[in-house]
Amino acid sequence: MEDQSRLKSLLEIEENLKWTKGGTQAVLKSEGTQKIIGLVANFITVPKLYENIVEKILQNQLQGIIVESPQDAKELCEKLHAQNKGTARFFLNNNKTQISDNENLTSFGKNLCTLVSIHKEAETALKPMLNNIVLCENYEQAIQNWESCKNNSVTIATNDGYILTVDGSIIGGNFNSSG
């Protein structure tokens, strides 16, 4: 059974090479992939209705690599550094981050944790990230809610593609354009 699981992981890594770039791709191609549990994108199931906005919100995190321990992340980072292959983002599967109770955020919008499914084997790695993202219907509602919850360390996104971040920035525009 363990061999089948490992084969599945290796096939997923091969498939992921087609859409990853930079350091993430270098890590996936390198020896030592036994330290890799998988990419964030492989452990989140998103309803079709929310696919575009979730992809926009998590654009950098989707290529994140889930590993078991800080030591695994460190070893893979050191390889990237030694080979001058760029950077990668790592999520710890044994993440000890205290997940804040953001149930009270439902008055601001829909908590992303309630809209997507996180595969059980990566829940501790991904839930802290997704728990602080709220989806609102439109920009006006988002601005109003953002002002109300600035102390809650929340990112707010809208169905029409705006992202109001924890750090105080607003992201918007045509996400389909490369220019």
Foldseek 3Di string as FASTA:
>chain_A
DVVVLVVVQLVQLVVVLVPDDFLLNVLSPDPPCVQWPHFQLVFKAAPPLCVVQVCLVCVQRRSETEGADPVSQVVSQVVCVVVVGHDHHYFHQQAPDDADPCPVCVVLAAQQPVRMGGHPSRCNRPVSVRRQEGEDADDVSNVVSCVVCLVVQHWYAYSQGWIQGNVGDIDDDDPVDPD
